[in-house]
Amino acid sequence: MPDIYWHLVRSTWSIRERGRVVGHLPSFALTDVRFVVSGAGAARIRRRQQREVVAHARIILAESGPIPPAAVRVRFDPYRAGTFTIPDGSPIAAAALVLFLADGTGWAVTARSECPLCVPSSPSR
């Protein structure tokens, strides 16, 4: 499963598979997203005051669309928290849909029922 992170120097989103960058995209949408942060890496950033990739989203690519009304902004700042957060400071670990925009912002819809691009899950047996 690919990982996505904001490339600070190129100002674009980088796609990484098995540890190698395989491409860059200006914007796109993802479904079934897990937000991953290396705790040791975040501590290293705070200690050294030097940027590095320690946080990414593990994803399934989807078709992009407009930001849904239920979406909230998601961000990672190692100087404020060791996790991805939403505007009120609450941690977020996963989302049904995330739109990554060309300006470097991410907008998440956490409830699958409010996700316009999510494929309905198959019924359990």
C-alpha atoms as a PDB file:
ATOM      1  CA  MET A   1       0.000   0.000   0.000  1.00  0.00           C
ATOM      2  CA  PRO A   2       1.528   3.388  -0.961  1.00  0.00           C
ATOM      3  CA  ASP A   3       2.355   6.201   1.480  1.00  0.00           C
ATOM      4  CA  ILE A   4       1.720   9.900   0.783  1.00  0.00           C
ATOM      5  CA  TYR A   5       3.478  12.901   2.292  1.00  0.00           C
ATOM      6  CA  TRP A   6       3.893  16.621   1.540  1.00  0.00           C
ATOM      7  CA  HIS A   7       7.315  17.307   0.004  1.00  0.00           C
ATOM      8  CA  LEU A   8       8.424  20.579   1.643  1.00  0.00           C
ATOM      9  CA  VAL A   9      11.044  21.491  -0.975  1.00  0.00           C
ATOM     10  CA  ARG A  10       9.037  20.638  -4.117  1.00  0.00           C
ATOM     11  CA  SER A  11       5.697  21.851  -2.662  1.00  0.00           C
ATOM     12  CA  THR A  12       3.889  18.804  -4.001  1.00  0.00           C
ATOM     13  CA  TRP A  13       2.642  15.459  -2.693  1.00  0.00           C
ATOM     14  CA  SER A  14       5.083  12.539  -2.928  1.00  0.00           C
ATOM     15  CA  ILE A  15       3.955   8.936  -3.379  1.00  0.00           C
ATOM     16  CA  ARG A  16       6.211   6.327  -1.817  1.00  0.00           C
ATOM     17  CA  GLU A  17       5.957   2.545  -2.279  1.00  0.00           C
ATOM     18  CA  ARG A  18       8.174   0.122  -0.370  1.00  0.00           C
ATOM     19  CA  GLY A  19      10.423   2.986   0.751  1.00  0.00           C
ATOM     20  CA  ARG A  20      10.960   4.490  -2.736  1.00  0.00           C
ATOM     21  CA  VAL A  21       9.355   7.618  -4.155  1.00  0.00           C
ATOM     22  CA  VAL A  22       7.480   6.581  -7.309  1.00  0.00           C
ATOM     23  CA  GLY A  23       5.803   9.848  -8.221  1.00  0.00           C
ATOM     24  CA  HIS A  24       4.504  13.282  -7.330  1.00  0.00           C
ATOM     25  CA  LEU A  25       0.963  14.669  -7.637  1.00  0.00           C
ATOM     26  CA  PRO A  26      -0.382  18.185  -7.082  1.00  0.00           C
ATOM     27  CA  SER A  27      -3.728  17.006  -5.635  1.00  0.00           C
ATOM     28  CA  PHE A  28      -5.863  13.862  -5.305  1.00  0.00           C
ATOM     29  CA  ALA A  29      -8.338  12.005  -3.098  1.00  0.00           C
ATOM     30  CA  LEU A  30      -7.814   8.921  -0.952  1.00  0.00           C
ATOM     31  CA  THR A  31     -10.136   6.470   0.730  1.00  0.00           C
ATOM     32  CA  ASP A  32      -9.605   4.250   3.773  1.00  0.00           C
ATOM     33  CA  VAL A  33      -6.723   6.399   5.022  1.00  0.00           C
ATOM     34  CA  ARG A  34      -4.528   5.597   8.033  1.00  0.00           C
ATOM     35  CA  PHE A  35      -2.358   8.394   9.420  1.00  0.00           C
ATOM     36  CA  VAL A  36       1.075   7.125  10.477  1.00  0.00           C
ATOM     37  CA  VAL A  37       3.658   8.990  12.580  1.00  0.00           C
ATOM     38  CA  SER A  38       7.050   7.775  13.724  1.00  0.00           C
ATOM     39  CA  GLY A  39       7.202   8.791  17.393  1.00  0.00           C
ATOM     40  CA  ALA A  40      10.983   8.486  17.463  1.00  0.00           C
ATOM     41  CA  GLY A  41      11.260  10.538  14.277  1.00  0.00           C
ATOM     42  CA  ALA A  42       9.023  13.315  15.653  1.00  0.00           C
ATOM     43  CA  ALA A  43      11.142  13.441  18.832  1.00  0.00           C
ATOM     44  CA  ARG A  44      14.283  13.641  16.672  1.00  0.00           C
ATOM     45  CA  ILE A  45      12.813  16.620  14.766  1.00  0.00           C
ATOM     46  CA  ARG A  46      12.061  18.442  18.015  1.00  0.00           C
ATOM     47  CA  ARG A  47      15.531  17.677  19.396  1.00  0.00           C
ATOM     48  CA  ARG A  48      17.519  18.589  16.249  1.00  0.00           C
ATOM     49  CA  GLN A  49      15.173  21.318  14.935  1.00  0.00           C
ATOM     50  CA  GLN A  50      15.683  19.762  11.486  1.00  0.00           C
ATOM     51  CA  ARG A  51      12.902  18.584   9.161  1.00  0.00           C
ATOM     52  CA  GLU A  52      12.577  15.032   7.837  1.00  0.00           C
ATOM     53  CA  VAL A  53       9.788  12.703   6.712  1.00  0.00           C
ATOM     54  CA  VAL A  54       8.321  11.088   9.827  1.00  0.00           C
ATOM     55  CA  ALA A  55       4.581  11.249   9.049  1.00  0.00           C
ATOM     56  CA  HIS A  56       2.570   9.979   6.113  1.00  0.00           C
ATOM     57  CA  ALA A  57      -0.849   8.710   5.111  1.00  0.00           C
ATOM     58  CA  ARG A  58      -1.238   5.066   4.093  1.00  0.00           C
ATOM     59  CA  ILE A  59      -3.847   5.018   1.371  1.00  0.00           C
ATOM     60  CA  ILE A  60      -5.985   3.726  -1.480  1.00  0.00           C
ATOM     61  CA  LEU A  61      -6.175   6.228  -4.379  1.00  0.00           C
ATOM     62  CA  ALA A  62      -9.627   7.463  -5.453  1.00  0.00           C
ATOM     63  CA  GLU A  63     -11.118   9.973  -7.874  1.00  0.00           C
ATOM     64  CA  SER A  64     -10.877  13.565  -6.636  1.00  0.00           C
ATOM     65  CA  GLY A  65     -13.825  15.898  -6.182  1.00  0.00           C
ATOM     66  CA  PRO A  66     -14.899  19.014  -4.283  1.00  0.00           C
ATOM     67  CA  ILE A  67     -14.342  19.254  -0.524  1.00  0.00           C
ATOM     68  CA  PRO A  68     -17.417  17.703   1.144  1.00  0.00           C
ATOM     69  CA  PRO A  69     -19.267  19.814   3.751  1.00  0.00           C
ATOM     70  CA  ALA A  70     -18.416  17.268   6.481  1.00  0.00           C
ATOM     71  CA  ALA A  71     -14.646  17.540   5.846  1.00  0.00           C
ATOM     72  CA  VAL A  72     -12.254  18.904   8.489  1.00  0.00           C
ATOM     73  CA  ARG A  73      -8.681  20.032   7.976  1.00  0.00           C
ATOM     74  CA  VAL A  74      -5.995  17.513   8.970  1.00  0.00           C
ATOM     75  CA  ARG A  75      -2.392  18.425   9.707  1.00  0.00           C
ATOM     76  CA  PHE A  76       0.802  17.167  11.287  1.00  0.00           C
ATOM     77  CA  ASP A  77       3.107  19.499  13.208  1.00  0.00           C
ATOM     78  CA  PRO A  78       5.770  17.673  15.244  1.00  0.00           C
ATOM     79  CA  TYR A  79       6.239  20.766  17.423  1.00  0.00           C
ATOM     80  CA  ARG A  80       2.573  20.759  18.522  1.00  0.00           C
ATOM     81  CA  ALA A  81       1.646  17.062  18.728  1.00  0.00           C
ATOM     82  CA  GLY A  82       3.021  13.609  18.010  1.00  0.00           C
ATOM     83  CA  THR A  83      -0.028  12.693  15.902  1.00  0.00           C
ATOM     84  CA  PHE A  84      -2.062  14.069  13.023  1.00  0.00           C
ATOM     85  CA  THR A  85      -4.657  16.506  14.379  1.00  0.00           C
ATOM     86  CA  ILE A  86      -7.846  18.306  13.393  1.00  0.00           C
ATOM     87  CA  PRO A  87      -8.382  22.066  14.060  1.00  0.00           C
ATOM     88  CA  ASP A  88      -9.512  21.629  17.696  1.00  0.00           C
ATOM     89  CA  GLY A  89      -6.263  19.758  18.456  1.00  0.00           C
ATOM     90  CA  SER A  90      -7.863  16.304  18.721  1.00  0.00           C
ATOM     91  CA  PRO A  91      -5.799  13.444  17.283  1.00  0.00           C
ATOM     92  CA  ILE A  92      -6.991  11.646  14.160  1.00  0.00           C
ATOM     93  CA  ALA A  93      -5.742   8.164  13.247  1.00  0.00           C
ATOM     94  CA  ALA A  94      -7.904   7.266  10.245  1.00  0.00           C
ATOM     95  CA  ALA A  95     -10.490   8.646   7.824  1.00  0.00           C
ATOM     96  CA  ALA A  96     -12.907   7.279   5.259  1.00  0.00           C
ATOM     97  CA  LEU A  97     -11.838   9.940   2.728  1.00  0.00           C
ATOM     98  CA  VAL A  98      -9.058  12.535   2.548  1.00  0.00           C
ATOM     99  CA  LEU A  99      -8.658  15.163  -0.156  1.00  0.00           C
ATOM    100  CA  PHE A 100      -5.062  16.365  -0.550  1.00  0.00           C
ATOM    101  CA  LEU A 101      -4.968  19.750  -2.282  1.00  0.00           C
ATOM    102  CA  ALA A 102      -2.261  21.511  -4.298  1.00  0.00           C
ATOM    103  CA  ASP A 103      -1.781  24.086  -1.511  1.00  0.00           C
ATOM    104  CA  GLY A 104      -0.532  21.345   0.852  1.00  0.00           C
ATOM    105  CA  THR A 105      -3.709  21.030   2.923  1.00  0.00           C
ATOM    106  CA  GLY A 106      -5.554  17.811   3.701  1.00  0.00           C
ATOM    107  CA  TRP A 107      -9.308  17.601   4.329  1.00  0.00           C
ATOM    108  CA  ALA A 108     -10.745  14.472   5.971  1.00  0.00           C
ATOM    109  CA  VAL A 109     -14.191  12.936   6.224  1.00  0.00           C
ATOM    110  CA  THR A 110     -14.152  10.492   9.115  1.00  0.00           C
ATOM    111  CA  ALA A 111     -17.665   9.017   8.827  1.00  0.00           C
ATOM    112  CA  ARG A 112     -18.083   6.587   5.947  1.00  0.00           C
ATOM    113  CA  SER A 113     -21.766   7.581   5.664  1.00  0.00           C
ATOM    114  CA  GLU A 114     -20.720  11.181   4.835  1.00  0.00           C
ATOM    115  CA  CYS A 115     -18.104  10.139   2.272  1.00  0.00           C
ATOM    116  CA  PRO A 116     -19.315  10.893  -1.286  1.00  0.00           C
ATOM    117  CA  LEU A 117     -16.480   8.959  -2.982  1.00  0.00           C
ATOM    118  CA  CYS A 118     -16.361   5.863  -0.758  1.00  0.00           C
ATOM    119  CA  VAL A 119     -17.461   2.520  -2.126  1.00  0.00           C
ATOM    120  CA  PRO A 120     -20.131   0.978   0.113  1.00  0.00           C
ATOM    121  CA  SER A 121     -18.720  -1.897   2.148  1.00  0.00           C
ATOM    122  CA  SER A 122     -20.056  -5.342   1.378  1.00  0.00           C
ATOM    123  CA  PRO A 123     -22.476  -6.819   3.919  1.00  0.00           C
ATOM    124  CA  SER A 124     -21.018  -9.205   6.486  1.00  0.00           C
ATOM    125  CA  ARG A 125     -22.050 -12.817   6.474  1.00  0.00           C
END
